[in-house]
Amino acid sequence: MRAMRHETFSGPIPPAEHLNQYDESVRRLIVQMAKDEQKHAHSMREQGLQGAINKDRRGQLLGGAIAITGLVVAAVIAPHSAAAAAVIGTLDLFGMVALFVAPRVLDKRRQDNPKRR
């Protein structure tokens, strides 16, 4: 008769019964490595999130500046050519809608239907 035992674990720290087989300095080293790895993972996630926030903020500021510039140009041109001012104003408003509304609509569609990614 033969018995076989197979153990697996995942993560940076082995189970307590395995960890206790090491001497004190090695146990401290393993725990410290796990702490450092977790700290690094949290830092990377935080940096990624902050980068995405900053990118969105820059896009909104630049888009807003372009939209305001378009409206100012339309207002300056209006006394000379009402048709040109109307075209510029209309394109500017459609641009603002595309900039601020369309990404949210697309994100909602992606969340509702994750298979289309």
N, C-alpha and C. Protein backbone atom coordinates (compact mmCIF):
# COMPACT_ATOMS: atom_id res chain seq x y z
N MET A 1 0.85 -1.16 0.00
CA MET A 1 0.00 0.00 0.00
C MET A 1 0.91 1.24 0.00
N ARG A 2 0.48 2.22 -0.76
CA ARG A 2 1.28 3.42 -0.88
C ARG A 2 0.37 4.64 -0.75
N ALA A 3 0.81 5.62 0.02
CA ALA A 3 0.03 6.86 0.20
C ALA A 3 0.85 8.01 -0.35
N MET A 4 0.16 8.91 -0.94
CA MET A 4 0.84 10.07 -1.51
C MET A 4 0.16 11.33 -1.01
N ARG A 5 0.96 12.30 -0.65
CA ARG A 5 0.42 13.56 -0.15
C ARG A 5 0.97 14.69 -1.02
N HIS A 6 0.08 15.51 -1.48
CA HIS A 6 0.48 16.62 -2.34
C HIS A 6 -0.06 17.92 -1.74
N GLU A 7 0.84 18.86 -1.49
CA GLU A 7 0.43 20.14 -0.91
C GLU A 7 0.85 21.26 -1.85
N THR A 8 -0.02 22.22 -1.98
CA THR A 8 0.32 23.42 -2.75
C THR A 8 -0.15 24.63 -1.97
N PHE A 9 0.48 25.73 -2.24
CA PHE A 9 0.02 26.99 -1.66
C PHE A 9 0.35 28.08 -2.64
N SER A 10 -0.38 29.15 -2.52
CA SER A 10 -0.11 30.29 -3.39
C SER A 10 0.08 31.52 -2.50
N GLY A 11 0.79 32.45 -3.03
CA GLY A 11 1.06 33.67 -2.28
C GLY A 11 2.49 33.73 -1.83
N PRO A 12 2.87 34.85 -1.30
CA PRO A 12 4.27 35.04 -0.93
C PRO A 12 4.67 34.36 0.38
N ILE A 13 3.70 34.02 1.22
CA ILE A 13 4.03 33.44 2.52
C ILE A 13 3.56 31.98 2.53
N PRO A 14 4.46 31.07 2.88
CA PRO A 14 4.04 29.67 2.97
C PRO A 14 3.11 29.46 4.16
N PRO A 15 2.42 28.34 4.20
CA PRO A 15 1.55 28.05 5.36
C PRO A 15 2.37 28.04 6.65
N ALA A 16 1.70 28.26 7.75
CA ALA A 16 2.38 28.39 9.05
C ALA A 16 3.25 27.18 9.38
N GLU A 17 2.76 25.96 9.09
CA GLU A 17 3.55 24.77 9.44
C GLU A 17 4.86 24.71 8.65
N HIS A 18 4.86 25.24 7.42
CA HIS A 18 6.10 25.29 6.64
C HIS A 18 6.97 26.45 7.11
N LEU A 19 6.35 27.58 7.38
CA LEU A 19 7.10 28.75 7.81
C LEU A 19 7.81 28.49 9.13
N ASN A 20 7.17 27.75 10.02
CA ASN A 20 7.78 27.46 11.32
C ASN A 20 8.99 26.54 11.22
N GLN A 21 9.18 25.88 10.10
CA GLN A 21 10.33 24.99 9.94
C GLN A 21 11.61 25.78 9.66
N TYR A 22 11.47 27.04 9.29
CA TYR A 22 12.64 27.88 9.04
C TYR A 22 13.10 28.53 10.33
N ASP A 23 14.36 28.97 10.35
CA ASP A 23 14.82 29.67 11.55
C ASP A 23 14.26 31.10 11.55
N GLU A 24 14.42 31.77 12.67
CA GLU A 24 13.80 33.08 12.90
C GLU A 24 14.19 34.12 11.85
N SER A 25 15.46 34.18 11.48
CA SER A 25 15.90 35.21 10.53
C SER A 25 15.28 34.98 9.14
N VAL A 26 15.15 33.74 8.73
CA VAL A 26 14.56 33.43 7.43
C VAL A 26 13.06 33.74 7.46
N ARG A 27 12.40 33.41 8.57
CA ARG A 27 10.97 33.74 8.69
C ARG A 27 10.75 35.24 8.57
N ARG A 28 11.56 36.02 9.26
CA ARG A 28 11.44 37.48 9.18
C ARG A 28 11.68 37.97 7.76
N LEU A 29 12.65 37.39 7.10
CA LEU A 29 12.96 37.78 5.73
C LEU A 29 11.78 37.47 4.80
N ILE A 30 11.17 36.30 4.94
CA ILE A 30 10.02 35.93 4.11
C ILE A 30 8.85 36.87 4.35
N VAL A 31 8.56 37.15 5.61
CA VAL A 31 7.45 38.06 5.93
C VAL A 31 7.74 39.46 5.41
N GLN A 32 8.98 39.92 5.56
CA GLN A 32 9.34 41.26 5.08
C GLN A 32 9.23 41.33 3.55
N MET A 33 9.63 40.27 2.88
CA MET A 33 9.50 40.24 1.41
C MET A 33 8.02 40.32 1.01
N ALA A 34 7.16 39.62 1.73
CA ALA A 34 5.73 39.66 1.43
C ALA A 34 5.17 41.06 1.66
N LYS A 35 5.59 41.71 2.74
CA LYS A 35 5.15 43.08 3.01
C LYS A 35 5.61 44.03 1.92
N ASP A 36 6.88 43.89 1.52
CA ASP A 36 7.42 44.76 0.48
C ASP A 36 6.68 44.56 -0.85
N GLU A 37 6.38 43.31 -1.17
CA GLU A 37 5.67 43.02 -2.42
C GLU A 37 4.27 43.62 -2.40
N GLN A 38 3.59 43.51 -1.27
CA GLN A 38 2.25 44.07 -1.16
C GLN A 38 2.30 45.60 -1.24
N LYS A 39 3.27 46.19 -0.60
CA LYS A 39 3.42 47.65 -0.65
C LYS A 39 3.69 48.11 -2.08
N HIS A 40 4.52 47.37 -2.79
CA HIS A 40 4.82 47.69 -4.19
C HIS A 40 3.57 47.57 -5.06
N ALA A 41 2.81 46.49 -4.88
CA ALA A 41 1.60 46.29 -5.68
C ALA A 41 0.60 47.42 -5.43
N HIS A 42 0.43 47.81 -4.18
CA HIS A 42 -0.48 48.91 -3.86
C HIS A 42 0.01 50.22 -4.47
N SER A 43 1.30 50.44 -4.41
CA SER A 43 1.87 51.66 -4.98
C SER A 43 1.66 51.72 -6.49
N MET A 44 1.87 50.59 -7.17
CA MET A 44 1.67 50.56 -8.62
C MET A 44 0.21 50.79 -8.99
N ARG A 45 -0.70 50.21 -8.23
CA ARG A 45 -2.12 50.42 -8.49
C ARG A 45 -2.49 51.89 -8.29
N GLU A 46 -1.97 52.47 -7.22
CA GLU A 46 -2.25 53.88 -6.93
C GLU A 46 -1.68 54.79 -8.01
N GLN A 47 -0.47 54.51 -8.48
CA GLN A 47 0.13 55.32 -9.54
C GLN A 47 -0.65 55.20 -10.84
N GLY A 48 -1.12 54.00 -11.15
CA GLY A 48 -1.93 53.81 -12.35
C GLY A 48 -3.23 54.58 -12.28
N LEU A 49 -3.88 54.52 -11.13
CA LEU A 49 -5.13 55.25 -10.96
C LEU A 49 -4.90 56.75 -11.03
N GLN A 50 -3.86 57.23 -10.38
CA GLN A 50 -3.55 58.67 -10.41
C GLN A 50 -3.21 59.11 -11.83
N GLY A 51 -2.50 58.29 -12.58
CA GLY A 51 -2.19 58.61 -13.97
C GLY A 51 -3.44 58.72 -14.82
N ALA A 52 -4.38 57.80 -14.62
CA ALA A 52 -5.64 57.85 -15.37
C ALA A 52 -6.44 59.09 -15.01
N ILE A 53 -6.46 59.44 -13.74
CA ILE A 53 -7.17 60.65 -13.31
C ILE A 53 -6.54 61.88 -13.93
N ASN A 54 -5.21 61.96 -13.90
CA ASN A 54 -4.51 63.11 -14.47
C ASN A 54 -4.75 63.21 -15.98
N LYS A 55 -4.74 62.07 -16.66
CA LYS A 55 -4.99 62.06 -18.11
C LYS A 55 -6.39 62.57 -18.42
N ASP A 56 -7.37 62.11 -17.67
CA ASP A 56 -8.74 62.58 -17.87
C ASP A 56 -8.85 64.07 -17.60
N ARG A 57 -8.20 64.53 -16.54
CA ARG A 57 -8.26 65.95 -16.19
C ARG A 57 -7.63 66.80 -17.30
N ARG A 58 -6.47 66.37 -17.81
CA ARG A 58 -5.83 67.11 -18.91
C ARG A 58 -6.72 67.15 -20.13
N GLY A 59 -7.32 66.03 -20.47
CA GLY A 59 -8.21 65.98 -21.62
C GLY A 59 -9.40 66.91 -21.46
N GLN A 60 -9.96 66.95 -20.27
CA GLN A 60 -11.10 67.83 -20.04
C GLN A 60 -10.69 69.30 -20.10
N LEU A 61 -9.54 69.63 -19.53
CA LEU A 61 -9.08 71.02 -19.57
C LEU A 61 -8.78 71.47 -21.00
N LEU A 62 -8.07 70.62 -21.74
CA LEU A 62 -7.76 70.97 -23.12
C LEU A 62 -9.03 71.03 -23.98
N GLY A 63 -9.93 70.08 -23.79
CA GLY A 63 -11.18 70.09 -24.53
C GLY A 63 -12.02 71.31 -24.20
N GLY A 64 -12.07 71.68 -22.93
CA GLY A 64 -12.80 72.88 -22.53
C GLY A 64 -12.19 74.14 -23.12
N ALA A 65 -10.86 74.20 -23.13
CA ALA A 65 -10.18 75.37 -23.71
C ALA A 65 -10.46 75.47 -25.20
N ILE A 66 -10.43 74.35 -25.89
CA ILE A 66 -10.71 74.35 -27.33
C ILE A 66 -12.16 74.76 -27.58
N ALA A 67 -13.08 74.26 -26.75
CA ALA A 67 -14.49 74.59 -26.92
C ALA A 67 -14.74 76.08 -26.70
N ILE A 68 -14.15 76.63 -25.66
CA ILE A 68 -14.32 78.07 -25.38
C ILE A 68 -13.70 78.90 -26.49
N THR A 69 -12.54 78.47 -26.97
CA THR A 69 -11.91 79.18 -28.08
C THR A 69 -12.80 79.18 -29.31
N GLY A 70 -13.42 78.04 -29.61
CA GLY A 70 -14.33 77.96 -30.75
C GLY A 70 -15.51 78.89 -30.60
N LEU A 71 -16.07 78.97 -29.39
CA LEU A 71 -17.20 79.87 -29.17
C LEU A 71 -16.79 81.34 -29.28
N VAL A 72 -15.60 81.67 -28.79
CA VAL A 72 -15.09 83.04 -28.90
C VAL A 72 -14.86 83.40 -30.36
N VAL A 73 -14.28 82.48 -31.11
CA VAL A 73 -14.05 82.72 -32.55
C VAL A 73 -15.39 82.92 -33.26
N ALA A 74 -16.38 82.09 -32.93
CA ALA A 74 -17.70 82.24 -33.55
C ALA A 74 -18.31 83.61 -33.20
N ALA A 75 -18.13 84.06 -31.96
CA ALA A 75 -18.67 85.36 -31.56
C ALA A 75 -17.96 86.50 -32.28
N VAL A 76 -16.64 86.37 -32.49
CA VAL A 76 -15.88 87.42 -33.18
C VAL A 76 -16.26 87.48 -34.65
N ILE A 77 -16.50 86.32 -35.25
CA ILE A 77 -16.83 86.26 -36.68
C ILE A 77 -18.29 86.63 -36.95
N ALA A 78 -19.15 86.48 -35.96
CA ALA A 78 -20.59 86.69 -36.15
C ALA A 78 -20.95 88.03 -36.79
N PRO A 79 -20.35 89.17 -36.42
CA PRO A 79 -20.73 90.42 -37.07
C PRO A 79 -20.38 90.46 -38.57
N HIS A 80 -19.39 89.69 -38.97
CA HIS A 80 -18.94 89.70 -40.36
C HIS A 80 -19.66 88.66 -41.22
N SER A 81 -19.89 87.48 -40.64
CA SER A 81 -20.54 86.41 -41.40
C SER A 81 -21.31 85.52 -40.44
N ALA A 82 -22.61 85.69 -40.43
CA ALA A 82 -23.45 84.91 -39.52
C ALA A 82 -23.42 83.42 -39.86
N ALA A 83 -23.34 83.10 -41.14
CA ALA A 83 -23.32 81.70 -41.56
C ALA A 83 -22.04 81.01 -41.08
N ALA A 84 -20.91 81.68 -41.25
CA ALA A 84 -19.64 81.09 -40.80
C ALA A 84 -19.64 80.93 -39.28
N ALA A 85 -20.16 81.93 -38.57
CA ALA A 85 -20.23 81.84 -37.11
C ALA A 85 -21.14 80.69 -36.68
N ALA A 86 -22.24 80.49 -37.40
CA ALA A 86 -23.16 79.40 -37.07
C ALA A 86 -22.50 78.05 -37.30
N VAL A 87 -21.76 77.92 -38.39
CA VAL A 87 -21.06 76.66 -38.67
C VAL A 87 -20.01 76.38 -37.59
N ILE A 88 -19.22 77.40 -37.26
CA ILE A 88 -18.18 77.22 -36.24
C ILE A 88 -18.81 76.89 -34.89
N GLY A 89 -19.87 77.62 -34.54
CA GLY A 89 -20.54 77.36 -33.26
C GLY A 89 -21.15 75.97 -33.21
N THR A 90 -21.76 75.54 -34.31
CA THR A 90 -22.38 74.22 -34.36
C THR A 90 -21.32 73.12 -34.24
N LEU A 91 -20.25 73.25 -35.00
CA LEU A 91 -19.17 72.26 -34.92
C LEU A 91 -18.56 72.22 -33.52
N ASP A 92 -18.44 73.39 -32.90
CA ASP A 92 -17.88 73.47 -31.56
C ASP A 92 -18.79 72.76 -30.56
N LEU A 93 -20.09 72.97 -30.65
CA LEU A 93 -21.02 72.31 -29.74
C LEU A 93 -21.03 70.80 -29.95
N PHE A 94 -21.01 70.36 -31.21
CA PHE A 94 -20.93 68.92 -31.47
C PHE A 94 -19.62 68.34 -30.93
N GLY A 95 -18.55 69.10 -31.04
CA GLY A 95 -17.26 68.67 -30.48
C GLY A 95 -17.32 68.51 -28.98
N MET A 96 -17.99 69.45 -28.30
CA MET A 96 -18.12 69.34 -26.84
C MET A 96 -18.94 68.12 -26.46
N VAL A 97 -20.00 67.87 -27.19
CA VAL A 97 -20.81 66.69 -26.91
C VAL A 97 -19.97 65.43 -27.10
N ALA A 98 -19.23 65.39 -28.19
CA ALA A 98 -18.38 64.22 -28.46
C ALA A 98 -17.32 64.06 -27.38
N LEU A 99 -16.78 65.16 -26.91
CA LEU A 99 -15.71 65.10 -25.91
C LEU A 99 -16.21 64.66 -24.54
N PHE A 100 -17.34 65.20 -24.11
CA PHE A 100 -17.78 64.96 -22.74
C PHE A 100 -18.84 63.88 -22.60
N VAL A 101 -19.66 63.65 -23.60
CA VAL A 101 -20.77 62.71 -23.47
C VAL A 101 -20.43 61.35 -24.08
N ALA A 102 -19.86 61.34 -25.26
CA ALA A 102 -19.60 60.07 -25.97
C ALA A 102 -18.74 59.09 -25.17
N PRO A 103 -17.65 59.51 -24.54
CA PRO A 103 -16.86 58.51 -23.78
C PRO A 103 -17.66 57.83 -22.67
N ARG A 104 -18.54 58.58 -22.03
CA ARG A 104 -19.35 57.98 -20.96
C ARG A 104 -20.36 56.97 -21.53
N VAL A 105 -20.92 57.30 -22.68
CA VAL A 105 -21.86 56.38 -23.32
C VAL A 105 -21.13 55.11 -23.74
N LEU A 106 -19.94 55.25 -24.32
CA LEU A 106 -19.17 54.09 -24.74
C LEU A 106 -18.75 53.24 -23.55
N ASP A 107 -18.34 53.87 -22.45
CA ASP A 107 -17.98 53.11 -21.25
C ASP A 107 -19.17 52.33 -20.71
N LYS A 108 -20.33 52.95 -20.72
CA LYS A 108 -21.53 52.26 -20.25
C LYS A 108 -21.83 51.05 -21.13
N ARG A 109 -21.67 51.20 -22.44
CA ARG A 109 -21.91 50.07 -23.35
C ARG A 109 -20.92 48.94 -23.09
N ARG A 110 -19.67 49.30 -22.84
CA ARG A 110 -18.66 48.27 -22.55
C ARG A 110 -18.97 47.54 -21.25
N GLN A 111 -19.44 48.28 -20.26
CA GLN A 111 -19.78 47.64 -18.98
C GLN A 111 -21.00 46.75 -19.13
N ASP A 112 -21.97 47.16 -19.94
CA ASP A 112 -23.17 46.36 -20.13
C ASP A 112 -22.90 45.11 -20.95
N ASN A 113 -21.93 45.17 -21.87
CA ASN A 113 -21.63 44.05 -22.75
C ASN A 113 -20.12 43.81 -22.77
N PRO A 114 -19.58 43.12 -21.77
CA PRO A 114 -18.12 42.94 -21.68
C PRO A 114 -17.53 42.07 -22.78
N LYS A 115 -18.32 41.30 -23.53
CA LYS A 115 -17.80 40.43 -24.57
C LYS A 115 -17.38 41.21 -25.80
N ARG A 116 -17.82 42.44 -25.96
CA ARG A 116 -17.53 43.23 -27.16
C ARG A 116 -16.16 43.89 -27.10
N ARG A 117 -15.41 43.74 -26.05
CA ARG A 117 -14.11 44.40 -25.92
C ARG A 117 -13.16 43.90 -26.89
